Amino acid sequence: MNIKRQAKQLESFLEDEFKRKIPILVMPDKSLVYKRYKIKQNKTGNWDLSYIDGDSIAEFKIKTTATLAAKFYDQTNFKRYNEVQQLDSDYWNNSNDAVFFKYRYEHATDIEKRDIFMWRWEQADHRAKRHKETISSMFKSNF
């Protein structure tokens, strides 16, 4: 039994399995590379989707949606790409609204305003959670 030969076979098997199962490469600066696309955080905290050579494609608020968008953009499936862009903005907007209305609810003194802020917070929080679940299930089914 040749240990070096088996080690090389195992190494090549793992590399092939990794390429087939998870085609995402994590770089030391926490950016991602998917095929010929790079997903990197910019100065504003958003995630830029661009070609590896530097041409920018789009900007996303969430790293997961940027990764999904890279996959659909590579497949030229623009219907799904646009759906991911919309999910990204919907999740981000509802998440921000939930934080805002929760703060207003906690600091309101008027009972009517407090009730309205609580209702708006619950509504925005529910929508944000629904969008997050949609994004998660889409990512799991595509990767």
C-alpha atoms as a PDB file:
ATOM      1  CA  MET A   1       0.000   0.000   0.000  1.00  0.00           C
ATOM      2  CA  ASN A   2       1.561   3.231  -1.172  1.00  0.00           C
ATOM      3  CA  ILE A   3       0.636   6.030   1.242  1.00  0.00           C
ATOM      4  CA  LYS A   4       1.859   8.858  -1.010  1.00  0.00           C
ATOM      5  CA  ARG A   5      -0.218   7.606  -3.922  1.00  0.00           C
ATOM      6  CA  GLN A   6      -3.311   7.275  -1.747  1.00  0.00           C
ATOM      7  CA  ALA A   7      -2.746  10.739  -0.277  1.00  0.00           C
ATOM      8  CA  LYS A   8      -2.588  12.211  -3.779  1.00  0.00           C
ATOM      9  CA  GLN A   9      -5.743  10.352  -4.778  1.00  0.00           C
ATOM     10  CA  LEU A  10      -7.546  11.611  -1.684  1.00  0.00           C
ATOM     11  CA  GLU A  11      -6.329  15.155  -2.312  1.00  0.00           C
ATOM     12  CA  SER A  12      -7.496  15.113  -5.925  1.00  0.00           C
ATOM     13  CA  PHE A  13     -10.802  13.562  -4.858  1.00  0.00           C
ATOM     14  CA  LEU A  14     -11.356  16.300  -2.270  1.00  0.00           C
ATOM     15  CA  GLU A  15     -10.454  19.030  -4.758  1.00  0.00           C
ATOM     16  CA  ASP A  16     -12.863  17.613  -7.340  1.00  0.00           C
ATOM     17  CA  GLU A  17     -15.589  17.233  -4.717  1.00  0.00           C
ATOM     18  CA  PHE A  18     -15.063  20.783  -3.488  1.00  0.00           C
ATOM     19  CA  LYS A  19     -15.206  22.173  -7.014  1.00  0.00           C
ATOM     20  CA  ARG A  20     -18.361  20.246  -7.759  1.00  0.00           C
ATOM     21  CA  LYS A  21     -20.166  20.917  -4.471  1.00  0.00           C
ATOM     22  CA  ILE A  22     -19.087  24.409  -3.391  1.00  0.00           C
ATOM     23  CA  PRO A  23     -17.838  26.582  -6.233  1.00  0.00           C
ATOM     24  CA  ILE A  24     -17.243  29.562  -3.924  1.00  0.00           C
ATOM     25  CA  LEU A  25     -13.730  30.499  -2.896  1.00  0.00           C
ATOM     26  CA  VAL A  26     -13.229  32.602   0.245  1.00  0.00           C
ATOM     27  CA  MET A  27     -10.256  34.951   0.000  1.00  0.00           C
ATOM     28  CA  PRO A  28      -8.129  36.124   2.965  1.00  0.00           C
ATOM     29  CA  ASP A  29      -9.723  39.604   2.837  1.00  0.00           C
ATOM     30  CA  LYS A  30     -13.161  37.928   3.293  1.00  0.00           C
ATOM     31  CA  SER A  31     -14.180  38.586  -0.288  1.00  0.00           C
ATOM     32  CA  LEU A  32     -15.675  35.762  -2.340  1.00  0.00           C
ATOM     33  CA  VAL A  33     -14.839  34.476  -5.785  1.00  0.00           C
ATOM     34  CA  TYR A  34     -17.448  32.588  -7.789  1.00  0.00           C
ATOM     35  CA  LYS A  35     -16.239  31.420 -11.213  1.00  0.00           C
ATOM     36  CA  ARG A  36     -15.182  34.684 -12.882  1.00  0.00           C
ATOM     37  CA  TYR A  37     -16.971  37.017 -10.434  1.00  0.00           C
ATOM     38  CA  LYS A  38     -15.688  38.703  -7.309  1.00  0.00           C
ATOM     39  CA  ILE A  39     -17.839  39.772  -4.368  1.00  0.00           C
ATOM     40  CA  LYS A  40     -16.081  42.295  -2.179  1.00  0.00           C
ATOM     41  CA  GLN A  41     -17.212  44.675   0.540  1.00  0.00           C
ATOM     42  CA  ASN A  42     -16.833  48.333  -0.364  1.00  0.00           C
ATOM     43  CA  LYS A  43     -16.222  51.362   1.877  1.00  0.00           C
ATOM     44  CA  THR A  44     -19.936  51.895   2.548  1.00  0.00           C
ATOM     45  CA  GLY A  45     -20.391  48.335   3.812  1.00  0.00           C
ATOM     46  CA  ASN A  46     -22.266  47.094   0.759  1.00  0.00           C
ATOM     47  CA  TRP A  47     -21.125  44.168  -1.376  1.00  0.00           C
ATOM     48  CA  ASP A  48     -19.895  44.836  -4.909  1.00  0.00           C
ATOM     49  CA  LEU A  49     -20.435  42.180  -7.540  1.00  0.00           C
ATOM     50  CA  SER A  50     -17.857  42.570 -10.279  1.00  0.00           C
ATOM     51  CA  TYR A  51     -15.776  40.651 -12.738  1.00  0.00           C
ATOM     52  CA  ILE A  52     -12.385  39.538 -11.455  1.00  0.00           C
ATOM     53  CA  ASP A  53     -10.721  41.983 -13.849  1.00  0.00           C
ATOM     54  CA  GLY A  54     -12.527  44.863 -12.105  1.00  0.00           C
ATOM     55  CA  ASP A  55     -15.599  45.783 -14.149  1.00  0.00           C
ATOM     56  CA  SER A  56     -18.455  46.387 -11.731  1.00  0.00           C
ATOM     57  CA  ILE A  57     -21.850  44.734 -12.244  1.00  0.00           C
ATOM     58  CA  ALA A  58     -24.006  45.665  -9.242  1.00  0.00           C
ATOM     59  CA  GLU A  59     -24.057  46.491  -5.544  1.00  0.00           C
ATOM     60  CA  PHE A  60     -25.910  44.503  -2.890  1.00  0.00           C
ATOM     61  CA  LYS A  61     -26.573  45.011   0.803  1.00  0.00           C
ATOM     62  CA  ILE A  62     -26.170  41.322   1.716  1.00  0.00           C
ATOM     63  CA  LYS A  63     -23.303  38.997   0.822  1.00  0.00           C
ATOM     64  CA  THR A  64     -25.647  36.036   0.285  1.00  0.00           C
ATOM     65  CA  THR A  65     -27.748  37.849  -2.288  1.00  0.00           C
ATOM     66  CA  ALA A  66     -24.622  39.032  -4.070  1.00  0.00           C
ATOM     67  CA  THR A  67     -23.452  35.420  -4.319  1.00  0.00           C
ATOM     68  CA  LEU A  68     -26.820  34.285  -5.649  1.00  0.00           C
ATOM     69  CA  ALA A  69     -26.815  37.143  -8.139  1.00  0.00           C
ATOM     70  CA  ALA A  70     -23.360  36.090  -9.362  1.00  0.00           C
ATOM     71  CA  LYS A  71     -24.658  32.593 -10.037  1.00  0.00           C
ATOM     72  CA  PHE A  72     -27.731  33.792 -11.934  1.00  0.00           C
ATOM     73  CA  TYR A  73     -25.736  36.427 -13.813  1.00  0.00           C
ATOM     74  CA  ASP A  74     -23.276  33.731 -14.898  1.00  0.00           C
ATOM     75  CA  GLN A  75     -26.169  31.587 -16.132  1.00  0.00           C
ATOM     76  CA  THR A  76     -27.674  34.657 -17.870  1.00  0.00           C
ATOM     77  CA  ASN A  77     -30.869  34.020 -15.947  1.00  0.00           C
ATOM     78  CA  PHE A  78     -31.824  37.673 -15.607  1.00  0.00           C
ATOM     79  CA  LYS A  79     -35.303  36.964 -14.312  1.00  0.00           C
ATOM     80  CA  ARG A  80     -33.844  35.267 -11.222  1.00  0.00           C
ATOM     81  CA  TYR A  81     -31.066  37.875 -11.037  1.00  0.00           C
ATOM     82  CA  ASN A  82     -33.639  40.674 -10.855  1.00  0.00           C
ATOM     83  CA  GLU A  83     -35.627  38.678  -8.304  1.00  0.00           C
ATOM     84  CA  VAL A  84     -32.532  38.444  -6.097  1.00  0.00           C
ATOM     85  CA  GLN A  85     -31.912  42.179  -6.437  1.00  0.00           C
ATOM     86  CA  GLN A  86     -35.499  42.865  -5.381  1.00  0.00           C
ATOM     87  CA  LEU A  87     -35.246  40.464  -2.425  1.00  0.00           C
ATOM     88  CA  ASP A  88     -32.054  42.184  -1.326  1.00  0.00           C
ATOM     89  CA  SER A  89     -33.619  45.639  -1.308  1.00  0.00           C
ATOM     90  CA  ASP A  90     -36.909  44.423   0.231  1.00  0.00           C
ATOM     91  CA  TYR A  91     -35.128  42.652   3.078  1.00  0.00           C
ATOM     92  CA  TRP A  92     -32.870  45.605   3.760  1.00  0.00           C
ATOM     93  CA  ASN A  93     -35.693  48.155   3.711  1.00  0.00           C
ATOM     94  CA  ASN A  94     -37.961  46.113   5.983  1.00  0.00           C
ATOM     95  CA  SER A  95     -35.119  45.339   8.363  1.00  0.00           C
ATOM     96  CA  ASN A  96     -34.291  49.044   8.684  1.00  0.00           C
ATOM     97  CA  ASP A  97     -37.965  49.907   9.128  1.00  0.00           C
ATOM     98  CA  ALA A  98     -38.275  47.298  11.891  1.00  0.00           C
ATOM     99  CA  VAL A  99     -35.346  48.824  13.787  1.00  0.00           C
ATOM    100  CA  PHE A 100     -36.740  52.341  13.341  1.00  0.00           C
ATOM    101  CA  PHE A 101     -40.283  51.501  14.455  1.00  0.00           C
ATOM    102  CA  LYS A 102     -39.064  49.432  17.389  1.00  0.00           C
ATOM    103  CA  TYR A 103     -37.061  52.417  18.616  1.00  0.00           C
ATOM    104  CA  ARG A 104     -40.041  54.743  18.128  1.00  0.00           C
ATOM    105  CA  TYR A 105     -42.315  52.256  19.925  1.00  0.00           C
ATOM    106  CA  GLU A 106     -39.987  52.026  22.917  1.00  0.00           C
ATOM    107  CA  HIS A 107     -39.627  55.806  23.247  1.00  0.00           C
ATOM    108  CA  ALA A 108     -43.170  56.968  22.470  1.00  0.00           C
ATOM    109  CA  THR A 109     -45.215  58.425  25.323  1.00  0.00           C
ATOM    110  CA  ASP A 110     -48.561  58.767  23.589  1.00  0.00           C
ATOM    111  CA  ILE A 111     -50.541  55.514  23.770  1.00  0.00           C
ATOM    112  CA  GLU A 112     -51.998  55.826  20.259  1.00  0.00           C
ATOM    113  CA  LYS A 113     -48.628  56.518  18.669  1.00  0.00           C
ATOM    114  CA  ARG A 114     -47.109  53.677  20.670  1.00  0.00           C
ATOM    115  CA  ASP A 115     -49.769  51.304  19.356  1.00  0.00           C
ATOM    116  CA  ILE A 116     -49.208  52.434  15.762  1.00  0.00           C
ATOM    117  CA  PHE A 117     -45.425  52.100  16.072  1.00  0.00           C
ATOM    118  CA  MET A 118     -45.801  48.620  17.578  1.00  0.00           C
ATOM    119  CA  TRP A 119     -48.059  47.557  14.702  1.00  0.00           C
ATOM    120  CA  ARG A 120     -45.668  48.961  12.099  1.00  0.00           C
ATOM    121  CA  TRP A 121     -42.693  47.313  13.849  1.00  0.00           C
ATOM    122  CA  GLU A 122     -44.421  43.920  13.890  1.00  0.00           C
ATOM    123  CA  GLN A 123     -45.372  44.260  10.237  1.00  0.00           C
ATOM    124  CA  ALA A 124     -41.874  45.284   9.085  1.00  0.00           C
ATOM    125  CA  ASP A 125     -40.231  42.619  11.266  1.00  0.00           C
ATOM    126  CA  HIS A 126     -42.510  39.919   9.847  1.00  0.00           C
ATOM    127  CA  ARG A 127     -41.737  40.979   6.275  1.00  0.00           C
ATOM    128  CA  ALA A 128     -37.984  41.076   6.963  1.00  0.00           C
ATOM    129  CA  LYS A 129     -38.081  37.562   8.435  1.00  0.00           C
ATOM    130  CA  ARG A 130     -40.076  36.288   5.452  1.00  0.00           C
ATOM    131  CA  HIS A 131     -37.576  37.776   2.987  1.00  0.00           C
ATOM    132  CA  LYS A 132     -34.680  36.350   4.996  1.00  0.00           C
ATOM    133  CA  GLU A 133     -36.218  32.873   4.873  1.00  0.00           C
ATOM    134  CA  THR A 134     -36.751  33.211   1.122  1.00  0.00           C
ATOM    135  CA  ILE A 135     -33.124  34.235   0.604  1.00  0.00           C
ATOM    136  CA  SER A 136     -31.884  31.377   2.798  1.00  0.00           C
ATOM    137  CA  SER A 137     -33.947  28.738   1.050  1.00  0.00           C
ATOM    138  CA  MET A 138     -32.928  30.074  -2.367  1.00  0.00           C
ATOM    139  CA  PHE A 139     -29.252  29.925  -1.367  1.00  0.00           C
ATOM    140  CA  LYS A 140     -29.577  26.386  -0.012  1.00  0.00           C
ATOM    141  CA  SER A 141     -31.326  25.147  -3.130  1.00  0.00           C
ATOM    142  CA  ASN A 142     -28.819  26.749  -5.503  1.00  0.00           C
ATOM    143  CA  PHE A 143     -25.601  25.913  -3.679  1.00  0.00           C
END
